[in-house]
């Protein structure tokens, strides 16, 4: 996929160059993504961040079945195919933004099929992931909470050496989270875990609050099937990751503390020996 980099900052009608270091780092990483930055408005001399960074992937810049640059597909278990870029087939529709989406099948044997994103070119704090997914994976027709084959989202903080479920790693779903739990008696590599399973009936939006992502971190879309039954598969498209880029060398000033109102001075307590209410008249001397 040809790199599309827009390293600029927009403020009202003005356009200025964003950090050349960011662009250089992205180019060195071979990032096949779109990067946009929109400067925060306001007159603060040191705003909390210099702009909003967005990494985007819709799989439309490659020819199926090739994946974009730095994306990795592996099968830990099970036969081919691996995750590929696809523009046809089930589940329908084949893409959210035509013509392509990432796709994996759902076979009738035990499998563990993984799609790893590109490495994060920059550290990202308070990042949010959005993507569209269309899945039809084998699930119970009796228990709406039980899945047999399913998909999960995982995250790596060490460049892809180890992965953890997004929830266990500190992330959270805003919308479109896991909808079933995978059965424990059919040999699935995801047995007992929450996952996406069943039929989404077309593309649905998923929004995820990500934990802190270090430079080199990765995301993983992982599909696992059990020893019986099959489904149509899983499609992922229109991936966007956004976060606020800190302004280099700038620490926002703490807000001024309000001056407390003066406390009223309490009145002095009455003397225990108060002044008599009257002065006795001396009696005449007899």
C-alpha atoms as a PDB file:
ATOM      1  CA  UNK A   1       0.000   0.000   0.000  1.00  0.00           C
ATOM      2  CA  UNK A   2       1.338   3.416  -0.911  1.00  0.00           C
ATOM      3  CA  UNK A   3       2.025   5.635   2.082  1.00  0.00           C
ATOM      4  CA  UNK A   4      -0.307   8.594   2.493  1.00  0.00           C
ATOM      5  CA  UNK A   5       1.065  10.999   5.085  1.00  0.00           C
ATOM      6  CA  UNK A   6      -0.467  14.382   5.913  1.00  0.00           C
ATOM      7  CA  UNK A   7       1.797  15.833   8.613  1.00  0.00           C
ATOM      8  CA  UNK A   8       0.226  19.243   9.004  1.00  0.00           C
ATOM      9  CA  UNK A   9      -1.522  21.239  11.690  1.00  0.00           C
ATOM     10  CA  UNK A  10      -4.673  23.164  10.889  1.00  0.00           C
ATOM     11  CA  UNK A  11      -5.875  26.092  13.011  1.00  0.00           C
ATOM     12  CA  UNK A  12      -8.811  28.049  11.607  1.00  0.00           C
ATOM     13  CA  UNK A  13      -7.726  28.916   8.040  1.00  0.00           C
ATOM     14  CA  UNK A  14      -3.972  28.646   8.691  1.00  0.00           C
ATOM     15  CA  UNK A  15      -1.913  25.569   7.926  1.00  0.00           C
ATOM     16  CA  UNK A  16       1.530  25.002   9.395  1.00  0.00           C
ATOM     17  CA  UNK A  17       4.011  22.153   9.355  1.00  0.00           C
ATOM     18  CA  UNK A  18       3.680  19.587  12.146  1.00  0.00           C
ATOM     19  CA  UNK A  19       6.753  18.058  13.796  1.00  0.00           C
ATOM     20  CA  UNK A  20       9.201  16.945  11.095  1.00  0.00           C
ATOM     21  CA  UNK A  21      10.442  14.367  13.570  1.00  0.00           C
ATOM     22  CA  UNK A  22       7.020  12.682  13.582  1.00  0.00           C
ATOM     23  CA  UNK A  23       6.890  12.518   9.785  1.00  0.00           C
ATOM     24  CA  UNK A  24      10.456  11.241   9.634  1.00  0.00           C
ATOM     25  CA  UNK A  25       9.716   8.506  12.177  1.00  0.00           C
ATOM     26  CA  UNK A  26       6.630   7.429  10.259  1.00  0.00           C
ATOM     27  CA  UNK A  27       8.504   7.285   6.967  1.00  0.00           C
ATOM     28  CA  UNK A  28      11.309   5.262   8.518  1.00  0.00           C
ATOM     29  CA  UNK A  29       8.747   2.817   9.860  1.00  0.00           C
ATOM     30  CA  UNK A  30       7.261   2.370   6.402  1.00  0.00           C
ATOM     31  CA  UNK A  31       3.853   3.319   7.682  1.00  0.00           C
ATOM     32  CA  UNK A  32       1.160   2.662   5.071  1.00  0.00           C
ATOM     33  CA  UNK A  33      -1.388   4.782   6.867  1.00  0.00           C
ATOM     34  CA  UNK A  34      -2.965   8.189   6.762  1.00  0.00           C
ATOM     35  CA  UNK A  35      -1.866  10.540   9.559  1.00  0.00           C
ATOM     36  CA  UNK A  36      -3.756  13.755  10.187  1.00  0.00           C
ATOM     37  CA  UNK A  37      -3.293  16.357  12.879  1.00  0.00           C
ATOM     38  CA  UNK A  38      -5.802  19.028  13.888  1.00  0.00           C
ATOM     39  CA  UNK A  39      -4.571  21.653  16.350  1.00  0.00           C
ATOM     40  CA  UNK A  40      -6.647  22.328  19.420  1.00  0.00           C
ATOM     41  CA  UNK A  41      -8.312  25.709  19.497  1.00  0.00           C
ATOM     42  CA  UNK A  42      -7.914  28.183  22.312  1.00  0.00           C
ATOM     43  CA  UNK A  43      -5.475  30.823  23.377  1.00  0.00           C
ATOM     44  CA  UNK A  44      -3.651  28.869  26.097  1.00  0.00           C
ATOM     45  CA  UNK A  45       0.129  29.458  25.869  1.00  0.00           C
ATOM     46  CA  UNK A  46       0.651  25.764  26.627  1.00  0.00           C
ATOM     47  CA  UNK A  47      -2.333  23.610  25.599  1.00  0.00           C
ATOM     48  CA  UNK A  48      -2.489  20.014  26.826  1.00  0.00           C
ATOM     49  CA  UNK A  49      -1.620  18.715  23.350  1.00  0.00           C
ATOM     50  CA  UNK A  50      -0.521  19.977  19.957  1.00  0.00           C
ATOM     51  CA  UNK A  51      -3.097  18.076  17.930  1.00  0.00           C
ATOM     52  CA  UNK A  52      -5.099  14.943  17.240  1.00  0.00           C
ATOM     53  CA  UNK A  53      -3.133  12.129  15.558  1.00  0.00           C
ATOM     54  CA  UNK A  54      -5.158   9.593  13.552  1.00  0.00           C
ATOM     55  CA  UNK A  55      -3.784   6.414  11.986  1.00  0.00           C
ATOM     56  CA  UNK A  56      -6.156   4.884   9.428  1.00  0.00           C
ATOM     57  CA  UNK A  57      -6.319   1.646   7.436  1.00  0.00           C
ATOM     58  CA  UNK A  58      -9.138   0.532   5.086  1.00  0.00           C
ATOM     59  CA  UNK A  59      -7.187  -2.138   3.108  1.00  0.00           C
ATOM     60  CA  UNK A  60      -8.109  -0.464  -0.190  1.00  0.00           C
ATOM     61  CA  UNK A  61      -4.567   0.454  -1.251  1.00  0.00           C
ATOM     62  CA  UNK A  62      -3.468  -3.139  -1.921  1.00  0.00           C
ATOM     63  CA  UNK A  63      -4.475  -5.862  -4.377  1.00  0.00           C
ATOM     64  CA  UNK A  64      -6.129  -8.905  -2.730  1.00  0.00           C
ATOM     65  CA  UNK A  65      -4.954 -11.109  -1.115  1.00  0.00           C
ATOM     66  CA  UNK A  66      -1.932  -8.966  -0.104  1.00  0.00           C
ATOM     67  CA  UNK A  67      -1.960  -7.205   3.260  1.00  0.00           C
ATOM     68  CA  UNK A  68      -0.719  -3.623   3.822  1.00  0.00           C
ATOM     69  CA  UNK A  69       2.897  -2.944   4.765  1.00  0.00           C
ATOM     70  CA  UNK A  70       3.899  -4.176   8.249  1.00  0.00           C
ATOM     71  CA  UNK A  71       0.655  -6.105   8.782  1.00  0.00           C
ATOM     72  CA  UNK A  72       1.289  -9.766   9.665  1.00  0.00           C
ATOM     73  CA  UNK A  73      -0.944 -12.865   9.305  1.00  0.00           C
ATOM     74  CA  UNK A  74      -0.093 -16.151  11.040  1.00  0.00           C
ATOM     75  CA  UNK A  75      -1.836 -19.435  11.793  1.00  0.00           C
ATOM     76  CA  UNK A  76      -0.817 -20.786  15.182  1.00  0.00           C
ATOM     77  CA  UNK A  77      -3.131 -23.754  14.542  1.00  0.00           C
ATOM     78  CA  UNK A  78      -5.177 -24.997  11.639  1.00  0.00           C
ATOM     79  CA  UNK A  79      -4.949 -25.141   7.854  1.00  0.00           C
ATOM     80  CA  UNK A  80      -4.769 -22.251   5.364  1.00  0.00           C
ATOM     81  CA  UNK A  81      -5.958 -19.711   4.505  1.00  0.00           C
ATOM     82  CA  UNK A  82      -4.432 -17.028   6.666  1.00  0.00           C
ATOM     83  CA  UNK A  83      -5.919 -13.572   7.102  1.00  0.00           C
ATOM     84  CA  UNK A  84      -5.997 -11.872   3.685  1.00  0.00           C
ATOM     85  CA  UNK A  85      -7.354  -8.773   2.000  1.00  0.00           C
ATOM     86  CA  UNK A  86     -10.637  -9.675   0.279  1.00  0.00           C
ATOM     87  CA  UNK A  87     -13.192  -7.957  -1.970  1.00  0.00           C
ATOM     88  CA  UNK A  88     -15.825 -10.699  -2.364  1.00  0.00           C
ATOM     89  CA  UNK A  89     -17.510 -13.637  -0.670  1.00  0.00           C
ATOM     90  CA  UNK A  90     -19.261 -14.178   2.645  1.00  0.00           C
ATOM     91  CA  UNK A  91     -20.167 -12.816   5.068  1.00  0.00           C
ATOM     92  CA  UNK A  92     -21.781 -10.063   3.044  1.00  0.00           C
ATOM     93  CA  UNK A  93     -21.218  -7.263   2.388  1.00  0.00           C
ATOM     94  CA  UNK A  94     -17.530  -7.934   1.658  1.00  0.00           C
ATOM     95  CA  UNK A  95     -16.340  -4.499   2.853  1.00  0.00           C
ATOM     96  CA  UNK A  96     -17.370  -1.427   4.789  1.00  0.00           C
ATOM     97  CA  UNK A  97     -15.473   0.941   2.478  1.00  0.00           C
ATOM     98  CA  UNK A  98     -15.287  -0.751  -0.964  1.00  0.00           C
ATOM     99  CA  UNK A  99     -13.578  -2.568  -2.385  1.00  0.00           C
ATOM    100  CA  UNK A 100     -11.521  -4.391   0.295  1.00  0.00           C
ATOM    101  CA  UNK A 101     -11.544  -5.582   3.895  1.00  0.00           C
ATOM    102  CA  UNK A 102      -9.381  -7.943   5.936  1.00  0.00           C
ATOM    103  CA  UNK A 103     -10.921 -11.444   6.029  1.00  0.00           C
ATOM    104  CA  UNK A 104     -10.484 -14.819   7.731  1.00  0.00           C
ATOM    105  CA  UNK A 105     -12.509 -18.016   7.309  1.00  0.00           C
ATOM    106  CA  UNK A 106     -14.170 -20.082  10.072  1.00  0.00           C
ATOM    107  CA  UNK A 107     -13.303 -23.774   9.444  1.00  0.00           C
ATOM    108  CA  UNK A 108     -14.799 -26.925  10.975  1.00  0.00           C
ATOM    109  CA  UNK A 109     -11.510 -27.855  12.676  1.00  0.00           C
ATOM    110  CA  UNK A 110      -9.511 -26.416  15.562  1.00  0.00           C
ATOM    111  CA  UNK A 111      -7.709 -23.287  14.380  1.00  0.00           C
ATOM    112  CA  UNK A 112      -6.059 -20.160  15.766  1.00  0.00           C
ATOM    113  CA  UNK A 113      -5.675 -17.442  13.102  1.00  0.00           C
ATOM    114  CA  UNK A 114      -4.113 -14.080  13.857  1.00  0.00           C
ATOM    115  CA  UNK A 115      -3.852 -10.686  12.167  1.00  0.00           C
ATOM    116  CA  UNK A 116      -1.301  -8.292  13.708  1.00  0.00           C
ATOM    117  CA  UNK A 117      -1.426  -4.579  12.953  1.00  0.00           C
ATOM    118  CA  UNK A 118       1.575  -2.497  12.017  1.00  0.00           C
ATOM    119  CA  UNK A 119       3.860  -1.428  14.859  1.00  0.00           C
ATOM    120  CA  UNK A 120       2.818   1.829  16.508  1.00  0.00           C
ATOM    121  CA  UNK A 121       5.217   4.469  15.123  1.00  0.00           C
ATOM    122  CA  UNK A 122       4.669   6.726  18.167  1.00  0.00           C
ATOM    123  CA  UNK A 123       3.751   6.216  21.779  1.00  0.00           C
ATOM    124  CA  UNK A 124       0.038   6.856  22.296  1.00  0.00           C
ATOM    125  CA  UNK A 125      -1.685   7.784  25.556  1.00  0.00           C
ATOM    126  CA  UNK A 126      -5.494   7.874  25.880  1.00  0.00           C
ATOM    127  CA  UNK A 127      -5.827   6.480  22.355  1.00  0.00           C
ATOM    128  CA  UNK A 128      -9.166   5.327  20.959  1.00  0.00           C
ATOM    129  CA  UNK A 129      -9.583   2.598  18.340  1.00  0.00           C
ATOM    130  CA  UNK A 130     -12.600   2.398  16.036  1.00  0.00           C
ATOM    131  CA  UNK A 131     -13.213  -0.258  13.406  1.00  0.00           C
ATOM    132  CA  UNK A 132     -16.008  -1.907  11.480  1.00  0.00           C
ATOM    133  CA  UNK A 133     -16.506  -5.668  11.642  1.00  0.00           C
ATOM    134  CA  UNK A 134     -18.789  -8.182   9.967  1.00  0.00           C
ATOM    135  CA  UNK A 135     -18.760 -11.703  11.417  1.00  0.00           C
ATOM    136  CA  UNK A 136     -20.733 -14.931  11.133  1.00  0.00           C
ATOM    137  CA  UNK A 137     -18.999 -17.401  13.460  1.00  0.00           C
ATOM    138  CA  UNK A 138     -20.396 -20.675  14.799  1.00  0.00           C
ATOM    139  CA  UNK A 139     -22.393 -20.136  17.986  1.00  0.00           C
ATOM    140  CA  UNK A 140     -25.162 -21.775  19.992  1.00  0.00           C
ATOM    141  CA  UNK A 141     -28.634 -21.386  18.565  1.00  0.00           C
ATOM    142  CA  UNK A 142     -30.133 -22.067  21.992  1.00  0.00           C
ATOM    143  CA  UNK A 143     -28.017 -20.017  24.403  1.00  0.00           C
ATOM    144  CA  UNK A 144     -27.522 -16.427  23.157  1.00  0.00           C
ATOM    145  CA  UNK A 145     -24.542 -16.022  25.489  1.00  0.00           C
ATOM    146  CA  UNK A 146     -22.590 -19.058  24.227  1.00  0.00           C
ATOM    147  CA  UNK A 147     -20.199 -19.115  21.279  1.00  0.00           C
ATOM    148  CA  UNK A 148     -18.288 -22.021  19.717  1.00  0.00           C
ATOM    149  CA  UNK A 149     -16.001 -20.157  17.283  1.00  0.00           C
ATOM    150  CA  UNK A 150     -15.099 -16.559  18.015  1.00  0.00           C
ATOM    151  CA  UNK A 151     -12.856 -13.554  17.586  1.00  0.00           C
ATOM    152  CA  UNK A 152     -11.030 -11.360  20.106  1.00  0.00           C
ATOM    153  CA  UNK A 153      -8.924  -8.195  20.119  1.00  0.00           C
ATOM    154  CA  UNK A 154      -5.508  -8.434  21.758  1.00  0.00           C
ATOM    155  CA  UNK A 155      -2.661  -5.992  22.370  1.00  0.00           C
ATOM    156  CA  UNK A 156       1.128  -6.243  22.614  1.00  0.00           C
ATOM    157  CA  UNK A 157       3.359  -3.804  24.500  1.00  0.00           C
ATOM    158  CA  UNK A 158       6.669  -5.440  23.460  1.00  0.00           C
ATOM    159  CA  UNK A 159       6.615  -5.264  19.684  1.00  0.00           C
ATOM    160  CA  UNK A 160       4.528  -8.382  19.138  1.00  0.00           C
ATOM    161  CA  UNK A 161       6.335 -10.916  21.327  1.00  0.00           C
ATOM    162  CA  UNK A 162       3.482 -11.351  23.806  1.00  0.00           C
ATOM    163  CA  UNK A 163      -0.200 -10.447  23.561  1.00  0.00           C
ATOM    164  CA  UNK A 164      -2.979  -9.893  26.103  1.00  0.00           C
ATOM    165  CA  UNK A 165      -6.728  -9.546  25.735  1.00  0.00           C
ATOM    166  CA  UNK A 166      -7.644  -5.898  25.365  1.00  0.00           C
ATOM    167  CA  UNK A 167      -9.760  -5.946  28.534  1.00  0.00           C
ATOM    168  CA  UNK A 168      -7.144  -7.722  30.648  1.00  0.00           C
ATOM    169  CA  UNK A 169      -4.557  -5.188  29.441  1.00  0.00           C
ATOM    170  CA  UNK A 170      -6.581  -2.222  30.702  1.00  0.00           C
ATOM    171  CA  UNK A 171      -8.632  -1.312  27.643  1.00  0.00           C
ATOM    172  CA  UNK A 172     -12.404  -0.941  27.572  1.00  0.00           C
ATOM    173  CA  UNK A 173     -15.191  -1.098  25.019  1.00  0.00           C
ATOM    174  CA  UNK A 174     -17.316   1.980  24.416  1.00  0.00           C
ATOM    175  CA  UNK A 175     -19.599   0.268  21.886  1.00  0.00           C
ATOM    176  CA  UNK A 176     -19.603  -3.023  20.009  1.00  0.00           C
ATOM    177  CA  UNK A 177     -17.868  -5.091  22.689  1.00  0.00           C
ATOM    178  CA  UNK A 178     -17.760  -8.860  23.116  1.00  0.00           C
ATOM    179  CA  UNK A 179     -21.183 -10.495  22.919  1.00  0.00           C
ATOM    180  CA  UNK A 180     -20.616 -14.146  23.951  1.00  0.00           C
ATOM    181  CA  UNK A 181     -18.393 -16.506  25.941  1.00  0.00           C
ATOM    182  CA  UNK A 182     -16.632 -19.365  24.114  1.00  0.00           C
ATOM    183  CA  UNK A 183     -17.579 -22.928  25.147  1.00  0.00           C
ATOM    184  CA  UNK A 184     -15.043 -24.849  27.207  1.00  0.00           C
ATOM    185  CA  UNK A 185     -15.845 -28.387  25.958  1.00  0.00           C
ATOM    186  CA  UNK A 186     -15.003 -28.252  22.233  1.00  0.00           C
ATOM    187  CA  UNK A 187     -11.271 -27.614  22.096  1.00  0.00           C
ATOM    188  CA  UNK A 188     -11.269 -23.939  21.108  1.00  0.00           C
ATOM    189  CA  UNK A 189      -8.010 -22.068  21.827  1.00  0.00           C
ATOM    190  CA  UNK A 190     -10.254 -19.289  23.205  1.00  0.00           C
ATOM    191  CA  UNK A 191     -12.262 -21.587  25.516  1.00  0.00           C
ATOM    192  CA  UNK A 192     -13.841 -19.715  28.412  1.00  0.00           C
ATOM    193  CA  UNK A 193     -13.003 -16.251  27.066  1.00  0.00           C
ATOM    194  CA  UNK A 194     -15.345 -13.454  26.099  1.00  0.00           C
ATOM    195  CA  UNK A 195     -15.401 -12.971  22.332  1.00  0.00           C
ATOM    196  CA  UNK A 196     -17.372 -11.914  19.287  1.00  0.00           C
ATOM    197  CA  UNK A 197     -19.411 -14.851  18.029  1.00  0.00           C
ATOM    198  CA  UNK A 198     -22.661 -15.577  16.205  1.00  0.00           C
ATOM    199  CA  UNK A 199     -23.950 -13.410  13.361  1.00  0.00           C
ATOM    200  CA  UNK A 200     -23.461  -9.626  13.363  1.00  0.00           C
ATOM    201  CA  UNK A 201     -25.801  -9.384  10.348  1.00  0.00           C
ATOM    202  CA  UNK A 202     -23.521  -7.005   8.470  1.00  0.00           C
ATOM    203  CA  UNK A 203     -20.907  -4.489   9.515  1.00  0.00           C
ATOM    204  CA  UNK A 204     -21.142  -3.061  13.025  1.00  0.00           C
ATOM    205  CA  UNK A 205     -19.006  -0.358  14.673  1.00  0.00           C
ATOM    206  CA  UNK A 206     -16.687  -1.124  17.562  1.00  0.00           C
ATOM    207  CA  UNK A 207     -15.067   1.619  19.648  1.00  0.00           C
ATOM    208  CA  UNK A 208     -12.296   0.773  22.126  1.00  0.00           C
ATOM    209  CA  UNK A 209     -10.440   2.900  24.665  1.00  0.00           C
ATOM    210  CA  UNK A 210      -6.874   1.615  24.442  1.00  0.00           C
ATOM    211  CA  UNK A 211      -4.371   1.374  27.303  1.00  0.00           C
ATOM    212  CA  UNK A 212      -1.110   3.299  26.920  1.00  0.00           C
ATOM    213  CA  UNK A 213       0.556   2.108  23.707  1.00  0.00           C
ATOM    214  CA  UNK A 214       4.364   2.357  23.606  1.00  0.00           C
ATOM    215  CA  UNK A 215       6.299   2.870  20.409  1.00  0.00           C
ATOM    216  CA  UNK A 216       6.387  -0.520  18.661  1.00  0.00           C
ATOM    217  CA  UNK A 217       3.148  -1.798  20.237  1.00  0.00           C
ATOM    218  CA  UNK A 218       0.733  -3.823  18.099  1.00  0.00           C
ATOM    219  CA  UNK A 219      -2.930  -4.818  17.976  1.00  0.00           C
ATOM    220  CA  UNK A 220      -4.137  -8.310  17.038  1.00  0.00           C
ATOM    221  CA  UNK A 221      -7.466  -9.549  15.642  1.00  0.00           C
ATOM    222  CA  UNK A 222      -7.557 -13.255  16.554  1.00  0.00           C
ATOM    223  CA  UNK A 223     -10.107 -15.838  15.372  1.00  0.00           C
ATOM    224  CA  UNK A 224     -10.260 -19.356  16.845  1.00  0.00           C
ATOM    225  CA  UNK A 225     -12.519 -22.295  15.912  1.00  0.00           C
ATOM    226  CA  UNK A 226     -13.303 -25.603  17.620  1.00  0.00           C
ATOM    227  CA  UNK A 227     -13.469 -29.231  16.493  1.00  0.00           C
ATOM    228  CA  UNK A 228     -17.012 -29.227  15.096  1.00  0.00           C
ATOM    229  CA  UNK A 229     -19.141 -26.944  12.965  1.00  0.00           C
ATOM    230  CA  UNK A 230     -18.101 -23.899  10.971  1.00  0.00           C
ATOM    231  CA  UNK A 231     -19.215 -20.419   9.976  1.00  0.00           C
ATOM    232  CA  UNK A 232     -18.783 -17.921   7.167  1.00  0.00           C
ATOM    233  CA  UNK A 233     -15.878 -15.998   8.699  1.00  0.00           C
ATOM    234  CA  UNK A 234     -14.893 -12.549   9.943  1.00  0.00           C
ATOM    235  CA  UNK A 235     -14.252  -9.255   8.124  1.00  0.00           C
ATOM    236  CA  UNK A 236     -12.527  -6.174   9.584  1.00  0.00           C
ATOM    237  CA  UNK A 237     -12.427  -2.780   7.863  1.00  0.00           C
ATOM    238  CA  UNK A 238     -12.134   1.007   8.339  1.00  0.00           C
ATOM    239  CA  UNK A 239      -9.660   0.982  11.225  1.00  0.00           C
ATOM    240  CA  UNK A 240      -8.886   4.331  12.896  1.00  0.00           C
ATOM    241  CA  UNK A 241      -6.667   4.976  15.920  1.00  0.00           C
ATOM    242  CA  UNK A 242      -6.705   8.502  17.369  1.00  0.00           C
ATOM    243  CA  UNK A 243      -4.912  10.161  20.251  1.00  0.00           C
ATOM    244  CA  UNK A 244      -3.814  13.557  21.477  1.00  0.00           C
ATOM    245  CA  UNK A 245      -0.165  14.279  20.658  1.00  0.00           C
ATOM    246  CA  UNK A 246       1.624  16.101  23.534  1.00  0.00           C
ATOM    247  CA  UNK A 247       3.315  19.393  22.678  1.00  0.00           C
ATOM    248  CA  UNK A 248       7.084  18.711  22.889  1.00  0.00           C
ATOM    249  CA  UNK A 249       8.792  20.447  25.804  1.00  0.00           C
ATOM    250  CA  UNK A 250       5.618  22.045  27.036  1.00  0.00           C
ATOM    251  CA  UNK A 251       4.140  21.464  30.473  1.00  0.00           C
ATOM    252  CA  UNK A 252       0.736  23.085  30.970  1.00  0.00           C
ATOM    253  CA  UNK A 253       0.646  25.520  33.893  1.00  0.00           C
ATOM    254  CA  UNK A 254      -1.588  24.382  36.747  1.00  0.00           C
ATOM    255  CA  UNK A 255      -4.797  26.381  37.005  1.00  0.00           C
ATOM    256  CA  UNK A 256      -4.672  29.188  39.602  1.00  0.00           C
ATOM    257  CA  UNK A 257      -6.145  28.352  42.954  1.00  0.00           C
ATOM    258  CA  UNK A 258      -9.077  30.529  43.935  1.00  0.00           C
ATOM    259  CA  UNK A 259      -8.456  32.874  46.865  1.00  0.00           C
ATOM    260  CA  UNK A 260     -10.527  31.645  49.784  1.00  0.00           C
ATOM    261  CA  UNK A 261     -13.092  34.055  51.149  1.00  0.00           C
ATOM    262  CA  UNK A 262     -12.158  35.600  54.530  1.00  0.00           C
ATOM    263  CA  UNK A 263     -13.636  33.770  57.422  1.00  0.00           C
ATOM    264  CA  UNK A 264     -15.852  35.830  59.800  1.00  0.00           C
ATOM    265  CA  UNK A 265     -14.257  36.553  63.160  1.00  0.00           C
ATOM    266  CA  UNK A 266     -16.385  34.982  65.882  1.00  0.00           C
ATOM    267  CA  UNK A 267     -17.671  37.257  68.628  1.00  0.00           C
ATOM    268  CA  UNK A 268     -15.881  37.091  71.985  1.00  0.00           C
ATOM    269  CA  UNK A 269     -17.663  34.789  74.402  1.00  0.00           C
ATOM    270  CA  UNK A 270     -19.347  36.448  77.348  1.00  0.00           C
ATOM    271  CA  UNK A 271     -17.287  36.819  80.500  1.00  0.00           C
ATOM    272  CA  UNK A 272     -18.097  34.225  83.159  1.00  0.00           C
ATOM    273  CA  UNK A 273     -18.431  37.138  85.593  1.00  0.00           C
ATOM    274  CA  UNK A 274     -20.672  39.510  83.792  1.00  0.00           C
ATOM    275  CA  UNK A 275     -21.348  43.080  84.846  1.00  0.00           C
ATOM    276  CA  UNK A 276     -24.256  43.284  87.383  1.00  0.00           C
ATOM    277  CA  UNK A 277     -27.503  44.376  85.913  1.00  0.00           C
ATOM    278  CA  UNK A 278     -27.915  47.043  88.710  1.00  0.00           C
ATOM    279  CA  UNK A 279     -25.820  48.765  91.327  1.00  0.00           C
ATOM    280  CA  UNK A 280     -27.238  48.363  94.852  1.00  0.00           C
ATOM    281  CA  UNK A 281     -27.972  51.620  96.677  1.00  0.00           C
ATOM    282  CA  UNK A 282     -25.994  51.849  99.938  1.00  0.00           C
ATOM    283  CA  UNK A 283     -28.113  51.810 103.008  1.00  0.00           C
ATOM    284  CA  UNK A 284     -28.015  54.842 105.300  1.00  0.00           C
ATOM    285  CA  UNK A 285     -25.927  54.590 108.404  1.00  0.00           C
ATOM    286  CA  UNK A 286     -28.096  54.165 111.448  1.00  0.00           C
END
